[in-house]
Amino acid sequence: EDFLCFGRNDTSKLTILLDLVDGVVKEKCGDKLTNTNETVEVEEEIELRPLDCYDLREWNMSSGVYLIWPQSRVLNGSIEVYCDMDDDGGGWTVIQRRGNFSSPADYFNREWDDYKYGFGNLMEEFWLGNINIYALTNQRNYSLKFDLADWEGNFTTATYSTFFIEDEYRSYTLHVEG
């Protein structure tokens, strides 16, 4: 028999085949189990819930738009994010993008609620939203990277080793070090 250890499909789910052998549950990967009197095959589908783009990088995903599930008391579900898997080893959750996308010059002049919940198109110009950034940056330790380019093609990067923001009660105060 051939057994699938795990496989990823387009909806980010793993399929795991388990065998119940002598009262012990074992994953069937690699060598096949032998000398078993009774084998009960159990198929269990587990939905992957990455916390951020770093988790997706660990699963060898490419740059693009994904759903993530930050562990947070302020969010009750997933958020859609753009993951950069190419720069500096990948795994970057992009929180803002600005550029030449035909947006008006005042596109980022917004009200509090726009910045709280986010706005724009993840494939073009956007702000992820303070509530989403708060949820992300308060579940793990994060670094912050700025990729900057001017209209003449000059490019620079600034990276900080520590980054998080506080909640709305504290006006989403920014903390950056290093």
N, C-alpha and C. Protein backbone atom coordinates (compact mmCIF):
# COMPACT_ATOMS: atom_id res chain seq x y z
N GLU A 1 0.83 -1.18 0.00
CA GLU A 1 0.00 0.00 0.00
C GLU A 1 0.87 1.24 0.00
N ASP A 2 0.40 2.26 -0.66
CA ASP A 2 1.06 3.55 -0.63
C ASP A 2 0.29 4.47 0.31
N PHE A 3 1.01 5.19 1.15
CA PHE A 3 0.38 6.08 2.10
C PHE A 3 0.88 7.50 1.89
N LEU A 4 -0.01 8.44 2.03
CA LEU A 4 0.33 9.84 1.92
C LEU A 4 0.66 10.36 3.32
N CYS A 5 1.89 10.82 3.51
CA CYS A 5 2.26 11.38 4.81
C CYS A 5 1.53 12.70 5.03
N PHE A 6 1.72 13.62 4.13
CA PHE A 6 0.90 14.83 4.14
C PHE A 6 1.03 15.49 2.80
N GLY A 7 0.02 16.23 2.46
CA GLY A 7 0.02 16.98 1.21
C GLY A 7 -0.73 18.27 1.40
N ARG A 8 -0.34 19.27 0.67
CA ARG A 8 -0.95 20.58 0.79
C ARG A 8 -1.81 20.81 -0.45
N ASN A 9 -3.02 21.30 -0.26
CA ASN A 9 -3.84 21.67 -1.41
C ASN A 9 -4.03 23.17 -1.43
N ASP A 10 -4.77 23.67 -2.37
CA ASP A 10 -4.92 25.11 -2.54
C ASP A 10 -5.58 25.81 -1.37
N THR A 11 -6.30 25.09 -0.54
CA THR A 11 -6.95 25.71 0.60
C THR A 11 -6.13 25.55 1.88
N SER A 12 -4.85 25.24 1.72
CA SER A 12 -3.93 25.12 2.86
C SER A 12 -4.41 24.13 3.90
N LYS A 13 -4.71 22.93 3.46
CA LYS A 13 -5.10 21.89 4.40
C LYS A 13 -4.12 20.73 4.29
N LEU A 14 -3.89 20.09 5.40
CA LEU A 14 -3.08 18.88 5.42
C LEU A 14 -3.99 17.69 5.53
N THR A 15 -3.64 16.64 4.83
CA THR A 15 -4.34 15.39 5.02
C THR A 15 -3.34 14.44 5.66
N ILE A 16 -3.70 13.89 6.78
CA ILE A 16 -2.80 13.00 7.51
C ILE A 16 -3.48 11.65 7.65
N LEU A 17 -2.78 10.61 7.26
CA LEU A 17 -3.29 9.26 7.46
C LEU A 17 -2.66 8.71 8.73
N LEU A 18 -3.50 8.23 9.61
CA LEU A 18 -3.03 7.69 10.88
C LEU A 18 -3.39 6.22 10.96
N ASP A 19 -2.56 5.44 11.60
CA ASP A 19 -2.85 4.04 11.87
C ASP A 19 -2.95 3.85 13.38
N LEU A 20 -3.89 3.07 13.79
CA LEU A 20 -4.03 2.70 15.19
C LEU A 20 -3.45 1.31 15.32
N VAL A 21 -2.27 1.20 15.91
CA VAL A 21 -1.56 -0.06 15.99
C VAL A 21 -1.22 -0.33 17.45
N ASP A 22 -1.72 -1.45 17.97
CA ASP A 22 -1.46 -1.83 19.36
C ASP A 22 -1.77 -0.69 20.32
N GLY A 23 -2.85 0.06 20.06
CA GLY A 23 -3.26 1.13 20.95
C GLY A 23 -2.44 2.39 20.84
N VAL A 24 -1.49 2.44 19.93
CA VAL A 24 -0.63 3.61 19.77
C VAL A 24 -0.91 4.23 18.41
N VAL A 25 -1.15 5.52 18.37
CA VAL A 25 -1.37 6.20 17.11
C VAL A 25 -0.02 6.60 16.54
N LYS A 26 0.23 6.20 15.30
CA LYS A 26 1.50 6.52 14.65
C LYS A 26 1.23 7.17 13.30
N GLU A 27 2.04 8.15 12.92
CA GLU A 27 1.95 8.71 11.59
C GLU A 27 2.63 7.75 10.64
N LYS A 28 2.07 7.56 9.48
CA LYS A 28 2.66 6.69 8.47
C LYS A 28 3.48 7.54 7.53
N CYS A 29 4.74 7.65 7.82
CA CYS A 29 5.66 8.36 6.94
C CYS A 29 6.90 7.49 6.78
N GLY A 30 7.40 7.42 5.57
CA GLY A 30 8.60 6.64 5.34
C GLY A 30 8.31 5.16 5.35
N ASP A 31 8.97 4.43 6.27
CA ASP A 31 8.84 2.97 6.33
C ASP A 31 7.42 2.55 6.64
N LYS A 32 6.99 1.50 6.00
CA LYS A 32 5.66 0.96 6.25
C LYS A 32 5.70 0.12 7.53
N LEU A 33 4.61 0.15 8.27
CA LEU A 33 4.52 -0.65 9.48
C LEU A 33 4.27 -2.10 9.10
N THR A 34 4.91 -3.01 9.81
CA THR A 34 4.75 -4.44 9.52
C THR A 34 4.38 -5.18 10.80
N ASN A 35 4.02 -6.45 10.65
CA ASN A 35 3.70 -7.33 11.77
C ASN A 35 2.59 -6.77 12.64
N THR A 36 1.56 -6.25 12.03
CA THR A 36 0.43 -5.76 12.81
C THR A 36 -0.75 -6.68 12.59
N ASN A 37 -1.39 -7.05 13.67
CA ASN A 37 -2.55 -7.93 13.58
C ASN A 37 -3.79 -7.17 13.16
N GLU A 38 -3.91 -5.95 13.64
CA GLU A 38 -5.10 -5.16 13.34
C GLU A 38 -4.67 -3.75 12.98
N THR A 39 -5.14 -3.25 11.87
CA THR A 39 -4.83 -1.89 11.46
C THR A 39 -6.13 -1.19 11.17
N VAL A 40 -6.33 -0.08 11.83
CA VAL A 40 -7.50 0.74 11.58
C VAL A 40 -6.99 2.03 10.96
N GLU A 41 -7.41 2.32 9.75
CA GLU A 41 -6.95 3.52 9.07
C GLU A 41 -7.90 4.67 9.38
N VAL A 42 -7.33 5.78 9.80
CA VAL A 42 -8.11 6.96 10.14
C VAL A 42 -7.60 8.10 9.28
N GLU A 43 -8.49 8.75 8.59
CA GLU A 43 -8.08 9.93 7.82
C GLU A 43 -8.63 11.15 8.52
N GLU A 44 -7.74 12.08 8.82
CA GLU A 44 -8.12 13.29 9.53
C GLU A 44 -7.65 14.48 8.71
N GLU A 45 -8.53 15.42 8.48
CA GLU A 45 -8.18 16.62 7.75
C GLU A 45 -7.99 17.75 8.74
N ILE A 46 -6.83 18.38 8.69
CA ILE A 46 -6.50 19.47 9.60
C ILE A 46 -6.30 20.73 8.78
N GLU A 47 -7.01 21.78 9.13
CA GLU A 47 -6.85 23.04 8.42
C GLU A 47 -5.68 23.80 9.04
N LEU A 48 -4.74 24.18 8.20
CA LEU A 48 -3.60 24.96 8.66
C LEU A 48 -4.05 26.39 8.94
N ARG A 49 -3.59 26.92 10.04
CA ARG A 49 -3.92 28.29 10.40
C ARG A 49 -2.63 29.04 10.73
N PRO A 50 -1.95 29.52 9.69
CA PRO A 50 -0.71 30.24 9.95
C PRO A 50 -0.97 31.52 10.73
N LEU A 51 -0.07 31.82 11.67
CA LEU A 51 -0.19 33.04 12.46
C LEU A 51 0.24 34.26 11.68
N ASP A 52 1.16 34.05 10.73
CA ASP A 52 1.72 35.17 9.98
C ASP A 52 2.42 34.62 8.74
N CYS A 53 3.06 35.48 8.00
CA CYS A 53 3.74 35.05 6.77
C CYS A 53 4.97 34.21 7.06
N TYR A 54 5.56 34.35 8.23
CA TYR A 54 6.71 33.51 8.58
C TYR A 54 6.31 32.04 8.60
N ASP A 55 5.14 31.74 9.15
CA ASP A 55 4.65 30.36 9.12
C ASP A 55 4.52 29.86 7.69
N LEU A 56 3.99 30.69 6.81
CA LEU A 56 3.83 30.30 5.41
C LEU A 56 5.18 30.09 4.74
N ARG A 57 6.17 30.87 5.12
CA ARG A 57 7.52 30.69 4.58
C ARG A 57 8.05 29.31 4.96
N GLU A 58 7.78 28.90 6.18
CA GLU A 58 8.22 27.58 6.63
C GLU A 58 7.60 26.47 5.80
N TRP A 59 6.46 26.74 5.16
CA TRP A 59 5.78 25.76 4.31
C TRP A 59 6.11 25.97 2.84
N ASN A 60 7.18 26.77 2.58
CA ASN A 60 7.69 27.00 1.22
C ASN A 60 6.67 27.62 0.27
N MET A 61 5.87 28.53 0.77
CA MET A 61 4.90 29.23 -0.07
C MET A 61 5.60 30.38 -0.80
N SER A 62 5.05 30.81 -1.91
CA SER A 62 5.62 31.92 -2.68
C SER A 62 4.94 33.23 -2.28
N SER A 63 5.51 34.34 -2.73
CA SER A 63 4.93 35.66 -2.44
C SER A 63 3.52 35.74 -2.99
N GLY A 64 2.63 36.38 -2.22
CA GLY A 64 1.25 36.53 -2.66
C GLY A 64 0.33 36.85 -1.51
N VAL A 65 -0.96 36.83 -1.79
CA VAL A 65 -1.99 37.14 -0.80
C VAL A 65 -2.46 35.85 -0.14
N TYR A 66 -2.49 35.85 1.19
CA TYR A 66 -2.88 34.68 1.98
C TYR A 66 -3.77 35.10 3.14
N LEU A 67 -4.48 34.12 3.69
CA LEU A 67 -5.19 34.31 4.95
C LEU A 67 -4.29 33.86 6.08
N ILE A 68 -4.25 34.66 7.15
CA ILE A 68 -3.53 34.28 8.37
C ILE A 68 -4.49 34.41 9.54
N TRP A 69 -4.17 33.75 10.65
CA TRP A 69 -5.02 33.73 11.84
C TRP A 69 -4.19 34.16 13.05
N PRO A 70 -3.99 35.47 13.25
CA PRO A 70 -3.24 35.90 14.43
C PRO A 70 -3.96 35.47 15.71
N GLN A 71 -3.16 35.11 16.71
CA GLN A 71 -3.72 34.79 18.03
C GLN A 71 -3.91 36.10 18.77
N SER A 72 -5.16 36.54 18.87
CA SER A 72 -5.41 37.86 19.40
C SER A 72 -6.78 37.93 20.05
N ARG A 73 -6.88 38.77 21.07
CA ARG A 73 -8.16 38.99 21.72
C ARG A 73 -9.01 40.00 20.97
N VAL A 74 -8.43 40.70 19.98
CA VAL A 74 -9.18 41.73 19.26
C VAL A 74 -9.72 41.25 17.91
N LEU A 75 -9.24 40.11 17.43
CA LEU A 75 -9.72 39.57 16.16
C LEU A 75 -10.37 38.22 16.40
N ASN A 76 -11.44 37.97 15.70
CA ASN A 76 -12.14 36.69 15.83
C ASN A 76 -12.07 35.90 14.54
N GLY A 77 -10.95 35.88 13.90
CA GLY A 77 -10.85 35.15 12.65
C GLY A 77 -9.59 35.48 11.90
N SER A 78 -9.69 35.33 10.61
CA SER A 78 -8.53 35.51 9.75
C SER A 78 -8.47 36.93 9.20
N ILE A 79 -7.28 37.28 8.71
CA ILE A 79 -7.12 38.51 7.94
C ILE A 79 -6.36 38.16 6.68
N GLU A 80 -6.63 38.92 5.64
CA GLU A 80 -5.95 38.72 4.38
C GLU A 80 -4.73 39.64 4.36
N VAL A 81 -3.57 39.08 4.00
CA VAL A 81 -2.33 39.84 3.99
C VAL A 81 -1.54 39.52 2.73
N TYR A 82 -0.60 40.41 2.40
CA TYR A 82 0.36 40.12 1.34
C TYR A 82 1.64 39.65 2.01
N CYS A 83 2.15 38.50 1.58
CA CYS A 83 3.39 37.93 2.12
C CYS A 83 4.51 38.08 1.10
N ASP A 84 5.62 38.67 1.54
CA ASP A 84 6.82 38.78 0.71
C ASP A 84 7.73 37.62 1.07
N MET A 85 7.89 36.69 0.17
CA MET A 85 8.71 35.51 0.40
C MET A 85 10.06 35.59 -0.31
N ASP A 86 10.37 36.76 -0.90
CA ASP A 86 11.59 36.88 -1.69
C ASP A 86 12.69 37.67 -1.00
N ASP A 87 12.36 38.76 -0.32
CA ASP A 87 13.37 39.64 0.28
C ASP A 87 13.89 39.08 1.60
N ASP A 88 15.21 39.14 1.77
CA ASP A 88 15.85 38.79 3.05
C ASP A 88 15.35 37.48 3.64
N GLY A 89 15.24 36.45 2.84
CA GLY A 89 14.84 35.14 3.33
C GLY A 89 13.34 34.90 3.37
N GLY A 90 12.55 35.94 3.11
CA GLY A 90 11.10 35.78 3.05
C GLY A 90 10.44 35.74 4.41
N GLY A 91 9.13 35.54 4.38
CA GLY A 91 8.34 35.48 5.61
C GLY A 91 7.88 36.82 6.12
N TRP A 92 7.96 37.86 5.28
CA TRP A 92 7.58 39.21 5.70
C TRP A 92 6.09 39.45 5.46
N THR A 93 5.39 39.89 6.49
CA THR A 93 3.99 40.30 6.37
C THR A 93 4.00 41.79 6.05
N VAL A 94 3.56 42.14 4.86
CA VAL A 94 3.61 43.54 4.41
C VAL A 94 2.44 44.30 5.04
N ILE A 95 2.77 45.40 5.74
CA ILE A 95 1.72 46.16 6.42
C ILE A 95 1.36 47.44 5.67
N GLN A 96 2.22 47.88 4.75
CA GLN A 96 1.91 49.06 3.95
C GLN A 96 2.66 48.97 2.63
N ARG A 97 2.00 49.42 1.58
CA ARG A 97 2.67 49.56 0.29
C ARG A 97 2.20 50.87 -0.32
N ARG A 98 3.18 51.64 -0.78
CA ARG A 98 2.89 52.87 -1.52
C ARG A 98 3.70 52.81 -2.80
N GLY A 99 3.18 53.43 -3.82
CA GLY A 99 3.91 53.42 -5.08
C GLY A 99 3.16 54.17 -6.15
N ASN A 100 3.54 53.93 -7.37
CA ASN A 100 2.92 54.59 -8.51
C ASN A 100 1.82 53.70 -9.05
N PHE A 101 0.66 53.70 -8.37
CA PHE A 101 -0.46 52.84 -8.75
C PHE A 101 -1.67 53.66 -9.18
N SER A 102 -1.46 54.85 -9.66
CA SER A 102 -2.53 55.73 -10.16
C SER A 102 -3.47 56.21 -9.06
N SER A 103 -3.07 56.13 -7.81
CA SER A 103 -3.89 56.66 -6.72
C SER A 103 -3.70 58.17 -6.64
N PRO A 104 -4.70 58.89 -6.16
CA PRO A 104 -4.53 60.34 -6.00
C PRO A 104 -3.46 60.65 -4.96
N ALA A 105 -2.88 61.83 -5.06
CA ALA A 105 -1.80 62.23 -4.15
C ALA A 105 -2.21 62.19 -2.69
N ASP A 106 -3.49 62.41 -2.41
CA ASP A 106 -3.96 62.41 -1.02
C ASP A 106 -4.56 61.07 -0.59
N TYR A 107 -4.24 60.00 -1.29
CA TYR A 107 -4.83 58.68 -1.03
C TYR A 107 -4.66 58.23 0.42
N PHE A 108 -3.53 58.57 1.03
CA PHE A 108 -3.27 58.15 2.40
C PHE A 108 -3.73 59.18 3.44
N ASN A 109 -4.35 60.26 3.03
CA ASN A 109 -4.96 61.22 3.96
C ASN A 109 -6.32 60.67 4.34
N ARG A 110 -6.39 59.97 5.45
CA ARG A 110 -7.60 59.23 5.84
C ARG A 110 -8.01 59.55 7.27
N GLU A 111 -9.22 59.12 7.60
CA GLU A 111 -9.76 59.26 8.94
C GLU A 111 -9.27 58.11 9.83
N TRP A 112 -9.50 58.26 11.15
CA TRP A 112 -9.07 57.28 12.15
C TRP A 112 -9.54 55.87 11.81
N ASP A 113 -10.82 55.69 11.48
CA ASP A 113 -11.36 54.35 11.22
C ASP A 113 -10.71 53.69 10.01
N ASP A 114 -10.36 54.46 8.99
CA ASP A 114 -9.65 53.88 7.84
C ASP A 114 -8.32 53.30 8.28
N TYR A 115 -7.59 54.04 9.10
CA TYR A 115 -6.31 53.53 9.59
C TYR A 115 -6.50 52.42 10.61
N LYS A 116 -7.59 52.44 11.35
CA LYS A 116 -7.85 51.37 12.31
C LYS A 116 -8.09 50.04 11.58
N TYR A 117 -8.97 50.04 10.59
CA TYR A 117 -9.38 48.79 9.94
C TYR A 117 -8.62 48.48 8.65
N GLY A 118 -7.93 49.45 8.09
CA GLY A 118 -7.17 49.23 6.87
C GLY A 118 -7.93 49.64 5.63
N PHE A 119 -7.19 49.83 4.55
CA PHE A 119 -7.79 50.26 3.28
C PHE A 119 -6.84 49.93 2.14
N GLY A 120 -7.38 49.94 0.95
CA GLY A 120 -6.59 49.75 -0.26
C GLY A 120 -6.67 48.34 -0.81
N ASN A 121 -5.80 48.08 -1.77
CA ASN A 121 -5.72 46.82 -2.48
C ASN A 121 -4.38 46.17 -2.16
N LEU A 122 -4.37 44.97 -1.63
CA LEU A 122 -3.13 44.31 -1.21
C LEU A 122 -2.12 44.14 -2.33
N MET A 123 -2.57 44.17 -3.57
CA MET A 123 -1.65 44.04 -4.70
C MET A 123 -1.15 45.40 -5.18
N GLU A 124 -1.69 46.47 -4.61
CA GLU A 124 -1.28 47.82 -5.00
C GLU A 124 -0.95 48.61 -3.75
N GLU A 125 -1.56 49.79 -3.59
CA GLU A 125 -1.32 50.60 -2.40
C GLU A 125 -2.31 50.22 -1.31
N PHE A 126 -1.80 50.10 -0.07
CA PHE A 126 -2.70 49.73 1.03
C PHE A 126 -2.07 50.04 2.38
N TRP A 127 -2.91 50.05 3.38
CA TRP A 127 -2.53 50.05 4.79
C TRP A 127 -3.27 48.88 5.41
N LEU A 128 -2.56 47.98 6.10
CA LEU A 128 -3.16 46.76 6.62
C LEU A 128 -4.19 47.02 7.72
N GLY A 129 -4.02 48.09 8.46
CA GLY A 129 -4.96 48.42 9.54
C GLY A 129 -4.31 48.26 10.90
N ASN A 130 -4.46 49.28 11.74
CA ASN A 130 -3.83 49.26 13.07
C ASN A 130 -4.30 48.09 13.92
N ILE A 131 -5.58 47.76 13.85
CA ILE A 131 -6.08 46.65 14.66
C ILE A 131 -5.44 45.33 14.23
N ASN A 132 -5.21 45.17 12.93
CA ASN A 132 -4.56 43.97 12.41
C ASN A 132 -3.08 43.94 12.77
N ILE A 133 -2.43 45.09 12.68
CA ILE A 133 -1.01 45.17 13.03
C ILE A 133 -0.83 44.94 14.52
N TYR A 134 -1.73 45.47 15.33
CA TYR A 134 -1.69 45.20 16.77
C TYR A 134 -1.82 43.70 17.04
N ALA A 135 -2.79 43.07 16.40
CA ALA A 135 -2.99 41.62 16.59
C ALA A 135 -1.74 40.84 16.19
N LEU A 136 -1.14 41.21 15.09
CA LEU A 136 0.07 40.52 14.62
C LEU A 136 1.24 40.71 15.57
N THR A 137 1.52 41.96 15.91
CA THR A 137 2.77 42.26 16.62
C THR A 137 2.72 41.95 18.11
N ASN A 138 1.59 41.51 18.61
CA ASN A 138 1.50 41.16 20.03
C ASN A 138 1.34 39.67 20.26
N GLN A 139 1.66 38.85 19.25
CA GLN A 139 1.60 37.40 19.42
C GLN A 139 2.99 36.77 19.41
N ARG A 140 3.96 37.43 18.83
CA ARG A 140 5.34 36.96 18.74
C ARG A 140 6.25 38.18 18.74
N ASN A 141 7.55 37.92 18.74
CA ASN A 141 8.52 39.00 18.56
C ASN A 141 8.71 39.23 17.07
N TYR A 142 8.67 40.50 16.65
CA TYR A 142 8.79 40.84 15.24
C TYR A 142 9.85 41.90 15.01
N SER A 143 10.42 41.87 13.82
CA SER A 143 11.28 42.95 13.35
C SER A 143 10.51 43.74 12.30
N LEU A 144 11.00 44.92 12.00
CA LEU A 144 10.35 45.82 11.05
C LEU A 144 11.36 46.20 9.98
N LYS A 145 10.95 46.12 8.72
CA LYS A 145 11.84 46.46 7.61
C LYS A 145 11.14 47.46 6.71
N PHE A 146 11.86 48.53 6.40
CA PHE A 146 11.39 49.52 5.43
C PHE A 146 12.19 49.34 4.16
N ASP A 147 11.52 49.15 3.04
CA ASP A 147 12.15 49.16 1.72
C ASP A 147 11.72 50.45 1.05
N LEU A 148 12.67 51.33 0.77
CA LEU A 148 12.35 52.65 0.24
C LEU A 148 13.02 52.85 -1.11
N ALA A 149 12.28 53.43 -2.03
CA ALA A 149 12.83 53.76 -3.35
C ALA A 149 12.31 55.13 -3.75
N ASP A 150 13.15 55.90 -4.44
CA ASP A 150 12.69 57.19 -4.93
C ASP A 150 12.39 57.09 -6.42
N TRP A 151 11.95 58.21 -7.00
CA TRP A 151 11.53 58.20 -8.41
C TRP A 151 12.72 58.06 -9.35
N GLU A 152 13.95 58.27 -8.85
CA GLU A 152 15.14 58.11 -9.70
C GLU A 152 15.71 56.70 -9.64
N GLY A 153 15.07 55.81 -8.89
CA GLY A 153 15.54 54.43 -8.82
C GLY A 153 16.52 54.14 -7.70
N ASN A 154 16.77 55.11 -6.83
CA ASN A 154 17.63 54.87 -5.67
C ASN A 154 16.85 54.06 -4.65
N PHE A 155 17.54 53.12 -4.01
CA PHE A 155 16.87 52.18 -3.12
C PHE A 155 17.65 52.06 -1.82
N THR A 156 16.94 52.00 -0.71
CA THR A 156 17.58 51.76 0.59
C THR A 156 16.64 50.95 1.47
N THR A 157 17.22 50.31 2.47
CA THR A 157 16.46 49.49 3.41
C THR A 157 16.88 49.87 4.83
N ALA A 158 15.92 49.90 5.73
CA ALA A 158 16.19 50.07 7.16
C ALA A 158 15.47 48.95 7.89
N THR A 159 16.20 48.25 8.76
CA THR A 159 15.62 47.13 9.51
C THR A 159 15.81 47.36 11.00
N TYR A 160 14.77 47.08 11.76
CA TYR A 160 14.78 47.23 13.21
C TYR A 160 14.45 45.89 13.85
N SER A 161 15.17 45.55 14.90
CA SER A 161 15.06 44.21 15.48
C SER A 161 13.80 43.99 16.31
N THR A 162 13.20 45.06 16.83
CA THR A 162 12.01 44.93 17.67
C THR A 162 10.93 45.88 17.16
N PHE A 163 9.72 45.35 17.03
CA PHE A 163 8.60 46.15 16.53
C PHE A 163 7.29 45.63 17.08
N PHE A 164 6.51 46.53 17.66
CA PHE A 164 5.12 46.22 18.00
C PHE A 164 4.37 47.53 18.21
N ILE A 165 3.04 47.45 18.17
CA ILE A 165 2.23 48.61 18.49
C ILE A 165 1.29 48.24 19.63
N GLU A 166 0.87 49.26 20.36
CA GLU A 166 -0.07 49.05 21.45
C GLU A 166 -1.50 49.08 20.92
N ASP A 167 -2.47 48.85 21.79
CA ASP A 167 -3.87 48.77 21.38
C ASP A 167 -4.48 50.17 21.15
N GLU A 168 -5.73 50.18 20.74
CA GLU A 168 -6.41 51.44 20.43
C GLU A 168 -6.51 52.34 21.66
N TYR A 169 -6.70 51.76 22.83
CA TYR A 169 -6.78 52.53 24.07
C TYR A 169 -5.53 53.38 24.26
N ARG A 170 -4.40 52.89 23.78
CA ARG A 170 -3.12 53.60 23.87
C ARG A 170 -2.75 54.23 22.52
N SER A 171 -3.76 54.45 21.69
CA SER A 171 -3.62 55.13 20.39
C SER A 171 -2.64 54.44 19.45
N TYR A 172 -2.56 53.13 19.54
CA TYR A 172 -1.68 52.33 18.68
C TYR A 172 -0.25 52.86 18.70
N THR A 173 0.25 53.16 19.90
CA THR A 173 1.60 53.69 20.06
C THR A 173 2.62 52.72 19.47
N LEU A 174 3.52 53.26 18.66
CA LEU A 174 4.54 52.49 17.97
C LEU A 174 5.77 52.28 18.85
N HIS A 175 6.30 51.06 18.87
CA HIS A 175 7.54 50.74 19.57
C HIS A 175 8.49 50.08 18.58
N VAL A 176 9.65 50.73 18.38
CA VAL A 176 10.67 50.24 17.46
C VAL A 176 12.01 50.39 18.13
N GLU A 177 12.84 49.34 18.07
CA GLU A 177 14.19 49.38 18.62
C GLU A 177 15.14 48.64 17.69
N GLY A 178 16.42 48.98 17.84
CA GLY A 178 17.47 48.24 17.16
C GLY A 178 17.69 48.63 15.76
